[in-house]
Amino acid sequence: MLDAEKKGCPVWLTVLKIVFFPITGIVLLYRWFGRNVKLGITVKTTLIFTVLFGLVLSGYVVFIIKSIEQQLTGDTIESTAQFLARLKLTSAILVVLFLAIGAVVGGIASTAMIKPVRKMIDSIDAIDGENLETRLEPVDSRDELYELTDRINDMLDDIQQTFERQSNFVSDASHELKTPLSVIQGYANLLIRWGKDDPEILNEGIENIAREADNMKRIVQQLLLLAKLGNYSMVKSRFPLSQAVQEAVDAYSVMDLPHEITFEGDPDVEVETDKSLLIESVRTLVDNAVKYTPGENGKIDVRCRATADGAEITVADNGVGISEEDLPHIFDRFYRCDKARGRESGSSGLGLTIAKNIIEIMGGTVSATSAIGKGTTFTIKLY
């Protein structure tokens, strides 16, 4: 007889103890693995079921060995036929029990692995064009499902940003193109009624239609640039800052401008960023200074220097300046400090918005200080 039977403990209870206590450990091991160990689901599952199979096999081997030892050394030795019959019966019961345990553990493990997937599916079902802010909850495991959740959330962020850019484009275009379209339509009606036979009205109408058509073209180009900047991939390189800023300033030397544009920079300062974006941002700020600085005695001073945490570019003018009320809004879309003068000067209200977006893409910041009648200074900081 088995020692367990001598002590009053049935064999089946001993087997249950051998089998079920390891399963408790396996469940805890599975949870610990899932939350703390960064491995693939297949690897985790293989390891867990390998441990389970090893424990079950070890328990069965121990049972066989103990049964044989009891038969050989027991007080009452059974006949070989009786011993084999009892061993076969017990083994059959254990095999069925092990299969049942494997099915239960497999079902629990499969359910545990599928549960996060089911939650992900339910969360995805709740997402539509009207509700793009929903995100998948992080799964409580460090495996492919954890990475998949991150990837899906990143993709949803990109989709939402693209959707918002498209919505902004449609809204901005419909808002800003309304005025030039109305002007063009008004002059077209004027020409149809009276302009055919009046050279003065004809010339006025043609000039205004051409001007508003140019405004529309510029607005659409700037709107498309803003939309493109939303998913722009920088091409970084290391170059002297003064060289790039000088290139932006030199472009104005071929223009017949009454303004005095000067540049001063430290040739030893180098930065690592997208050179074309940097030049475009400087040009945008200089363009803005030219528009709002009277040509007579107008001065625009561009400088660049090294700072403790990076580099700095300033574009200063002695133009009309910006009021304290307008200054916080100058980087907003379509914002013009002087609405009438802004349209006359060809301003769409998008230039400073584009400059700010470009500089932020490069990881920098832009700010402005100004005083009415004294001028404005824009400062770009690169880190």
Protein backbone atom coordinates (compact mmCIF):
# COMPACT_ATOMS: atom_id res chain seq x y z
CA MET A 1 0.00 0.00 0.00
CA LEU A 2 1.06 3.64 -0.50
CA ASP A 3 2.38 5.60 2.46
CA ALA A 4 -0.58 7.95 2.01
CA GLU A 5 -2.96 5.06 2.51
CA LYS A 6 -1.08 3.91 5.64
CA LYS A 7 -1.54 7.39 7.13
CA GLY A 8 -5.23 7.52 6.22
CA CYS A 9 -4.77 9.85 3.19
CA PRO A 10 -6.38 8.49 -0.01
CA VAL A 11 -4.28 8.15 -3.14
CA TRP A 12 -6.61 10.40 -5.16
CA LEU A 13 -6.15 13.21 -2.64
CA THR A 14 -2.38 12.87 -2.86
CA VAL A 15 -2.61 13.06 -6.66
CA LEU A 16 -4.83 16.13 -6.44
CA LYS A 17 -2.30 17.81 -4.19
CA ILE A 18 0.53 16.96 -6.56
CA VAL A 19 -1.39 18.28 -9.57
CA PHE A 20 -3.38 21.26 -8.32
CA PHE A 21 -0.79 23.00 -6.20
CA PRO A 22 1.52 23.39 -9.24
CA ILE A 23 -1.43 24.76 -11.23
CA THR A 24 -1.87 27.50 -8.64
CA GLY A 25 1.77 28.39 -9.12
CA ILE A 26 1.36 28.27 -12.91
CA VAL A 27 -1.56 30.72 -12.77
CA LEU A 28 0.49 33.12 -10.67
CA LEU A 29 3.45 32.62 -12.97
CA TYR A 30 1.29 33.36 -16.02
CA ARG A 31 0.01 36.60 -14.51
CA TRP A 32 3.50 37.66 -13.48
CA PHE A 33 4.87 36.79 -16.92
CA GLY A 34 2.11 38.71 -18.66
CA ARG A 35 2.60 41.89 -16.66
CA ASN A 36 6.35 42.06 -16.18
CA VAL A 37 8.20 40.02 -18.81
CA LYS A 38 8.49 41.46 -22.31
CA LEU A 39 8.13 38.37 -24.46
CA GLY A 40 5.88 37.29 -27.30
CA ILE A 41 2.55 35.63 -26.58
CA THR A 42 3.71 32.44 -28.29
CA VAL A 43 6.87 32.28 -26.19
CA LYS A 44 4.98 32.94 -22.96
CA THR A 45 2.33 30.33 -23.74
CA THR A 46 4.97 27.77 -24.75
CA LEU A 47 6.92 28.30 -21.54
CA ILE A 48 3.83 28.05 -19.35
CA PHE A 49 2.50 24.89 -20.96
CA THR A 50 6.00 23.38 -20.93
CA VAL A 51 6.14 23.96 -17.18
CA LEU A 52 2.64 22.53 -16.77
CA PHE A 53 3.45 19.44 -18.81
CA GLY A 54 6.72 18.99 -16.94
CA LEU A 55 5.01 19.17 -13.56
CA VAL A 56 2.26 16.79 -14.60
CA LEU A 57 4.79 14.35 -16.06
CA SER A 58 6.96 14.65 -12.97
CA GLY A 59 3.97 13.97 -10.74
CA TYR A 60 3.05 10.91 -12.75
CA VAL A 61 6.63 9.59 -12.67
CA VAL A 62 6.74 10.12 -8.90
CA PHE A 63 3.46 8.27 -8.55
CA ILE A 64 4.75 5.30 -10.59
CA ILE A 65 8.04 5.17 -8.69
CA LYS A 66 6.31 5.36 -5.32
CA SER A 67 3.85 2.67 -6.32
CA ILE A 68 6.67 0.34 -7.38
CA GLU A 69 8.65 1.06 -4.21
CA GLN A 70 5.58 0.35 -2.10
CA GLN A 71 5.03 -2.90 -3.94
CA LEU A 72 8.61 -3.99 -3.41
CA THR A 73 9.02 -2.89 0.19
CA GLY A 74 5.50 -2.86 1.56
CA ASP A 75 4.33 -4.99 4.47
CA THR A 76 1.74 -6.63 2.30
CA ILE A 77 3.03 -7.38 -1.17
CA GLU A 78 0.25 -7.71 -3.76
CA SER A 79 0.40 -10.20 -6.54
CA THR A 80 1.83 -8.92 -9.78
CA ALA A 81 -1.54 -9.13 -11.50
CA GLN A 82 -3.30 -7.18 -8.77
CA PHE A 83 -0.57 -4.54 -8.68
CA LEU A 84 -0.63 -4.09 -12.46
CA ALA A 85 -4.41 -3.90 -12.52
CA ARG A 86 -4.44 -1.23 -9.81
CA LEU A 87 -1.64 0.66 -11.53
CA LYS A 88 -3.44 0.58 -14.88
CA LEU A 89 -6.68 1.78 -13.34
CA THR A 90 -4.99 4.57 -11.43
CA SER A 91 -2.97 5.55 -14.49
CA ALA A 92 -6.12 5.69 -16.62
CA ILE A 93 -7.82 7.87 -14.04
CA LEU A 94 -4.77 10.15 -13.91
CA VAL A 95 -4.61 10.42 -17.71
CA VAL A 96 -8.26 11.47 -17.86
CA LEU A 97 -7.66 13.87 -14.98
CA PHE A 98 -4.59 15.34 -16.63
CA LEU A 99 -6.50 15.82 -19.89
CA ALA A 100 -9.29 17.58 -18.03
CA ILE A 101 -6.81 19.78 -16.20
CA GLY A 102 -5.04 20.58 -19.48
CA ALA A 103 -8.35 21.53 -21.09
CA VAL A 104 -9.31 23.74 -18.15
CA VAL A 105 -5.91 25.44 -17.97
CA GLY A 106 -5.82 25.82 -21.76
CA GLY A 107 -9.28 27.36 -21.74
CA ILE A 108 -8.31 29.76 -18.95
CA ALA A 109 -5.10 30.74 -20.71
CA SER A 110 -6.86 31.19 -24.07
CA THR A 111 -9.58 33.29 -22.46
CA ALA A 112 -6.95 35.41 -20.72
CA MET A 113 -5.13 35.95 -24.02
CA ILE A 114 -8.29 36.70 -26.02
CA LYS A 115 -9.84 39.03 -23.42
CA PRO A 116 -7.63 42.04 -24.32
CA VAL A 117 -8.37 41.42 -28.01
CA ARG A 118 -12.10 41.45 -27.29
CA LYS A 119 -11.72 44.74 -25.38
CA MET A 120 -9.79 46.19 -28.30
CA ILE A 121 -12.53 45.14 -30.73
CA ASP A 122 -15.23 46.73 -28.55
CA SER A 123 -13.23 49.96 -28.31
CA ILE A 124 -12.63 50.04 -32.07
CA ASP A 125 -16.36 49.50 -32.71
CA ALA A 126 -17.02 52.69 -30.72
CA ILE A 127 -14.81 54.77 -33.03
CA ASP A 128 -16.30 56.54 -36.03
CA GLY A 129 -15.99 59.81 -37.93
CA GLU A 130 -17.91 61.66 -35.21
CA ASN A 131 -15.92 60.17 -32.34
CA LEU A 132 -12.21 60.11 -33.12
CA GLU A 133 -11.09 60.93 -29.58
CA THR A 134 -11.66 57.40 -28.23
CA ARG A 135 -8.46 55.47 -27.58
CA LEU A 136 -7.78 51.84 -26.70
CA GLU A 137 -7.06 51.15 -23.06
CA PRO A 138 -3.55 49.77 -22.40
CA VAL A 139 -3.54 46.00 -21.93
CA ASP A 140 -2.12 44.50 -18.76
CA SER A 141 0.69 42.64 -20.48
CA ARG A 142 4.03 43.29 -22.12
CA ASP A 143 3.74 41.46 -25.42
CA GLU A 144 2.45 41.92 -28.96
CA LEU A 145 -0.97 43.04 -27.71
CA TYR A 146 0.65 45.85 -25.72
CA GLU A 147 2.57 46.97 -28.80
CA LEU A 148 -0.49 46.58 -31.01
CA THR A 149 -2.51 48.84 -28.69
CA ASP A 150 0.19 51.51 -28.88
CA ARG A 151 0.35 51.26 -32.66
CA ILE A 152 -3.43 51.53 -33.03
CA ASN A 153 -3.56 54.55 -30.69
CA ASP A 154 -0.73 56.20 -32.64
CA MET A 155 -2.61 55.51 -35.86
CA LEU A 156 -5.80 57.01 -34.37
CA ASP A 157 -3.81 60.11 -33.35
CA ASP A 158 -2.58 60.49 -36.93
CA ILE A 159 -6.08 59.95 -38.33
CA GLN A 160 -7.58 62.50 -35.95
CA GLN A 161 -4.90 65.08 -36.78
CA THR A 162 -5.39 64.49 -40.51
CA PHE A 163 -9.16 64.79 -40.14
CA GLU A 164 -8.76 68.02 -38.15
CA ARG A 165 -6.37 69.44 -40.76
CA GLN A 166 -8.86 68.64 -43.51
CA SER A 167 -11.70 70.19 -41.53
CA ASN A 168 -9.61 73.29 -40.84
CA PHE A 169 -8.67 73.53 -44.52
CA VAL A 170 -12.31 73.39 -45.64
CA SER A 171 -13.40 75.83 -42.94
CA ASP A 172 -10.53 78.25 -43.53
CA ALA A 173 -10.87 78.13 -47.30
CA SER A 174 -14.62 78.74 -47.26
CA HIS A 175 -14.14 81.57 -44.75
CA GLU A 176 -11.23 83.36 -46.40
CA LEU A 177 -12.15 82.86 -50.07
CA LYS A 178 -15.61 84.32 -49.54
CA THR A 179 -14.40 87.94 -49.74
CA PRO A 180 -12.28 87.74 -52.94
CA LEU A 181 -15.01 85.70 -54.62
CA SER A 182 -17.57 88.35 -53.72
CA VAL A 183 -15.27 91.08 -55.06
CA ILE A 184 -14.67 89.19 -58.32
CA GLN A 185 -18.39 88.53 -58.71
CA GLY A 186 -19.21 92.19 -58.00
CA TYR A 187 -16.77 93.53 -60.56
CA ALA A 188 -17.86 90.91 -63.09
CA ASN A 189 -21.48 92.08 -62.73
CA LEU A 190 -20.31 95.69 -62.99
CA LEU A 191 -18.47 94.95 -66.22
CA ILE A 192 -21.46 93.10 -67.65
CA ARG A 193 -23.79 96.04 -66.97
CA TRP A 194 -21.69 99.13 -67.64
CA GLY A 195 -18.04 98.24 -68.21
CA LYS A 196 -18.23 97.12 -71.81
CA ASP A 197 -18.43 100.66 -73.11
CA ASP A 198 -16.60 102.53 -70.32
CA PRO A 199 -12.79 102.12 -70.51
CA GLU A 200 -12.30 103.48 -66.97
CA ILE A 201 -14.71 100.99 -65.40
CA LEU A 202 -13.29 98.23 -67.60
CA ASN A 203 -9.70 98.85 -66.45
CA GLU A 204 -10.74 99.17 -62.81
CA GLY A 205 -12.71 95.94 -62.96
CA ILE A 206 -9.93 93.98 -64.66
CA GLU A 207 -7.30 95.23 -62.18
CA ASN A 208 -9.42 94.36 -59.16
CA ILE A 209 -10.39 90.96 -60.52
CA ALA A 210 -6.72 90.18 -61.20
CA ARG A 211 -5.71 91.36 -57.71
CA GLU A 212 -8.37 89.27 -55.97
CA ALA A 213 -7.48 86.26 -58.13
CA ASP A 214 -3.87 86.62 -56.95
CA ASN A 215 -5.12 86.85 -53.35
CA MET A 216 -7.11 83.66 -53.80
CA LYS A 217 -4.12 81.89 -55.31
CA ARG A 218 -1.89 82.95 -52.41
CA ILE A 219 -4.47 81.93 -49.80
CA VAL A 220 -4.93 78.47 -51.33
CA GLN A 221 -1.15 77.97 -51.54
CA GLN A 222 -0.70 78.95 -47.91
CA LEU A 223 -3.59 76.74 -46.78
CA LEU A 224 -2.09 73.80 -48.65
CA LEU A 225 1.29 74.52 -47.03
CA LEU A 226 -0.32 74.53 -43.57
CA ALA A 227 -2.02 71.20 -44.32
CA LYS A 228 1.27 69.75 -45.58
CA LEU A 229 3.16 70.88 -42.48
CA GLY A 230 0.90 68.71 -40.35
CA ASN A 231 2.65 65.53 -41.52
CA TYR A 232 5.94 66.98 -42.75
CA SER A 233 9.04 64.83 -42.24
CA MET A 234 12.12 66.89 -41.57
CA VAL A 235 15.38 66.33 -43.43
CA LYS A 236 17.94 67.22 -40.79
CA SER A 237 21.51 68.30 -41.47
CA ARG A 238 24.17 70.22 -39.59
CA PHE A 239 25.11 73.61 -41.02
CA PRO A 240 26.27 77.11 -39.96
CA LEU A 241 23.23 79.10 -38.82
CA SER A 242 24.52 82.41 -40.21
CA GLN A 243 24.91 80.84 -43.65
CA ALA A 244 21.25 79.80 -43.84
CA VAL A 245 19.93 83.10 -42.46
CA GLN A 246 22.20 85.05 -44.83
CA GLU A 247 20.74 83.03 -47.71
CA ALA A 248 17.22 84.01 -46.66
CA VAL A 249 18.15 87.70 -46.36
CA ASP A 250 20.11 87.82 -49.63
CA ALA A 251 16.96 86.92 -51.56
CA TYR A 252 15.66 90.44 -50.87
CA SER A 253 18.71 92.12 -52.40
CA VAL A 254 17.40 91.44 -55.92
CA MET A 255 14.02 93.00 -55.10
CA ASP A 256 13.42 96.66 -55.66
CA LEU A 257 12.55 97.42 -52.03
CA PRO A 258 12.91 100.85 -50.43
CA HIS A 259 13.68 99.21 -47.08
CA GLU A 260 17.15 98.82 -45.61
CA ILE A 261 17.62 95.15 -44.70
CA THR A 262 20.77 94.27 -42.74
CA PHE A 263 22.14 91.04 -41.35
CA GLU A 264 24.66 90.25 -38.63
CA GLY A 265 25.50 86.75 -37.36
CA ASP A 266 28.11 84.67 -35.61
CA PRO A 267 29.71 82.43 -38.27
CA ASP A 268 30.73 79.84 -35.65
CA VAL A 269 27.18 78.93 -34.59
CA GLU A 270 25.98 75.60 -36.00
CA VAL A 271 22.56 73.98 -35.75
CA GLU A 272 21.12 70.62 -36.71
CA THR A 273 17.69 70.95 -38.26
CA ASP A 274 15.88 71.17 -41.61
CA LYS A 275 17.66 73.94 -43.53
CA SER A 276 14.85 74.61 -46.02
CA LEU A 277 12.31 74.98 -43.20
CA LEU A 278 14.60 77.35 -41.33
CA ILE A 279 15.08 79.56 -44.39
CA GLU A 280 11.33 79.57 -45.07
CA SER A 281 10.55 80.66 -41.48
CA VAL A 282 13.06 83.54 -41.65
CA ARG A 283 11.71 84.68 -45.02
CA THR A 284 8.17 84.64 -43.66
CA LEU A 285 9.13 86.91 -40.76
CA VAL A 286 11.07 89.27 -43.06
CA ASP A 287 8.07 89.37 -45.46
CA ASN A 288 5.85 90.34 -42.54
CA ALA A 289 8.31 93.08 -41.52
CA VAL A 290 8.39 94.45 -45.08
CA LYS A 291 4.57 94.61 -45.27
CA TYR A 292 4.19 96.54 -42.03
CA THR A 293 7.24 98.80 -42.24
CA PRO A 294 6.89 101.99 -44.33
CA GLY A 295 9.42 102.09 -47.15
CA GLU A 296 10.69 105.56 -46.31
CA ASN A 297 13.36 105.20 -43.59
CA GLY A 298 12.22 101.62 -43.09
CA LYS A 299 14.82 99.36 -41.50
CA ILE A 300 14.79 95.63 -40.91
CA ASP A 301 17.59 94.11 -38.88
CA VAL A 302 18.18 90.35 -38.87
CA ARG A 303 20.62 88.79 -36.38
CA CYS A 304 21.59 85.33 -35.16
CA ARG A 305 23.71 84.27 -32.22
CA ALA A 306 24.46 81.39 -29.88
CA THR A 307 22.63 81.08 -26.55
CA ALA A 308 23.16 78.99 -23.43
CA ASP A 309 20.65 76.36 -24.61
CA GLY A 310 20.88 76.64 -28.40
CA ALA A 311 20.67 79.44 -30.93
CA GLU A 312 18.55 82.53 -31.49
CA ILE A 313 17.41 84.50 -34.56
CA THR A 314 15.82 87.94 -34.32
CA VAL A 315 13.99 89.92 -37.00
CA ALA A 316 13.47 93.52 -35.88
CA ASP A 317 11.82 96.39 -37.74
CA ASN A 318 10.93 100.03 -37.07
CA GLY A 319 7.45 99.70 -38.57
CA VAL A 320 3.95 100.48 -37.37
CA GLY A 321 4.14 98.08 -34.41
CA ILE A 322 1.48 95.93 -32.79
CA SER A 323 -0.84 96.92 -29.97
CA GLU A 324 -0.91 95.07 -26.64
CA GLU A 325 -4.43 93.84 -27.43
CA ASP A 326 -3.41 92.34 -30.76
CA LEU A 327 -0.02 90.92 -29.77
CA PRO A 328 -1.31 87.67 -28.14
CA HIS A 329 -3.26 86.79 -31.32
CA ILE A 330 -0.79 87.52 -34.12
CA PHE A 331 0.00 83.82 -34.68
CA ASP A 332 -3.70 82.85 -34.97
CA ARG A 333 -5.03 81.88 -38.38
CA PHE A 334 -6.36 84.79 -40.48
CA TYR A 335 -5.76 87.29 -37.69
CA ARG A 336 -4.96 90.78 -38.95
CA CYS A 337 -4.24 93.69 -36.64
CA ASP A 338 -5.49 96.14 -39.25
CA LYS A 339 -8.07 94.33 -41.35
CA ALA A 340 -8.35 96.91 -44.13
CA ARG A 341 -4.61 97.62 -44.41
CA GLY A 342 -3.81 93.92 -44.21
CA ARG A 343 -5.88 93.12 -47.28
CA GLU A 344 -4.48 96.10 -49.17
CA SER A 345 -0.92 94.94 -48.45
CA GLY A 346 -1.73 91.45 -49.69
CA SER A 347 -1.80 89.84 -46.25
CA SER A 348 -3.89 86.70 -45.86
CA GLY A 349 -3.38 86.45 -42.11
CA LEU A 350 -1.62 83.09 -42.52
CA GLY A 351 2.05 84.07 -42.77
CA LEU A 352 2.83 84.19 -39.04
CA THR A 353 0.76 81.03 -38.48
CA ILE A 354 2.89 79.22 -41.05
CA ALA A 355 6.10 80.56 -39.48
CA LYS A 356 5.03 79.39 -36.02
CA ASN A 357 4.11 75.91 -37.30
CA ILE A 358 7.43 75.58 -39.13
CA ILE A 359 9.45 76.62 -36.09
CA GLU A 360 7.55 74.24 -33.81
CA ILE A 361 8.18 71.38 -36.25
CA MET A 362 11.90 72.13 -35.84
CA GLY A 363 11.47 71.93 -32.05
CA GLY A 364 11.88 75.65 -31.51
CA THR A 365 9.73 78.57 -30.34
CA VAL A 366 8.86 81.99 -31.71
CA SER A 367 7.74 85.07 -29.81
CA ALA A 368 7.23 88.76 -30.48
CA THR A 369 7.61 92.07 -28.67
CA SER A 370 6.27 95.30 -30.08
CA ALA A 371 5.27 98.89 -29.47
CA ILE A 372 2.96 101.05 -31.57
CA GLY A 373 4.93 103.38 -33.81
CA LYS A 374 8.30 101.92 -32.80
CA GLY A 375 8.36 98.52 -34.49
CA THR A 376 8.29 94.80 -33.77
CA THR A 377 10.92 92.19 -32.93
CA PHE A 378 10.35 88.49 -33.62
CA THR A 379 12.62 86.02 -31.84
CA ILE A 380 13.18 82.43 -32.97
CA LYS A 381 14.79 80.10 -30.45
CA LEU A 382 16.27 76.79 -31.57
CA TYR A 383 17.25 74.11 -29.04
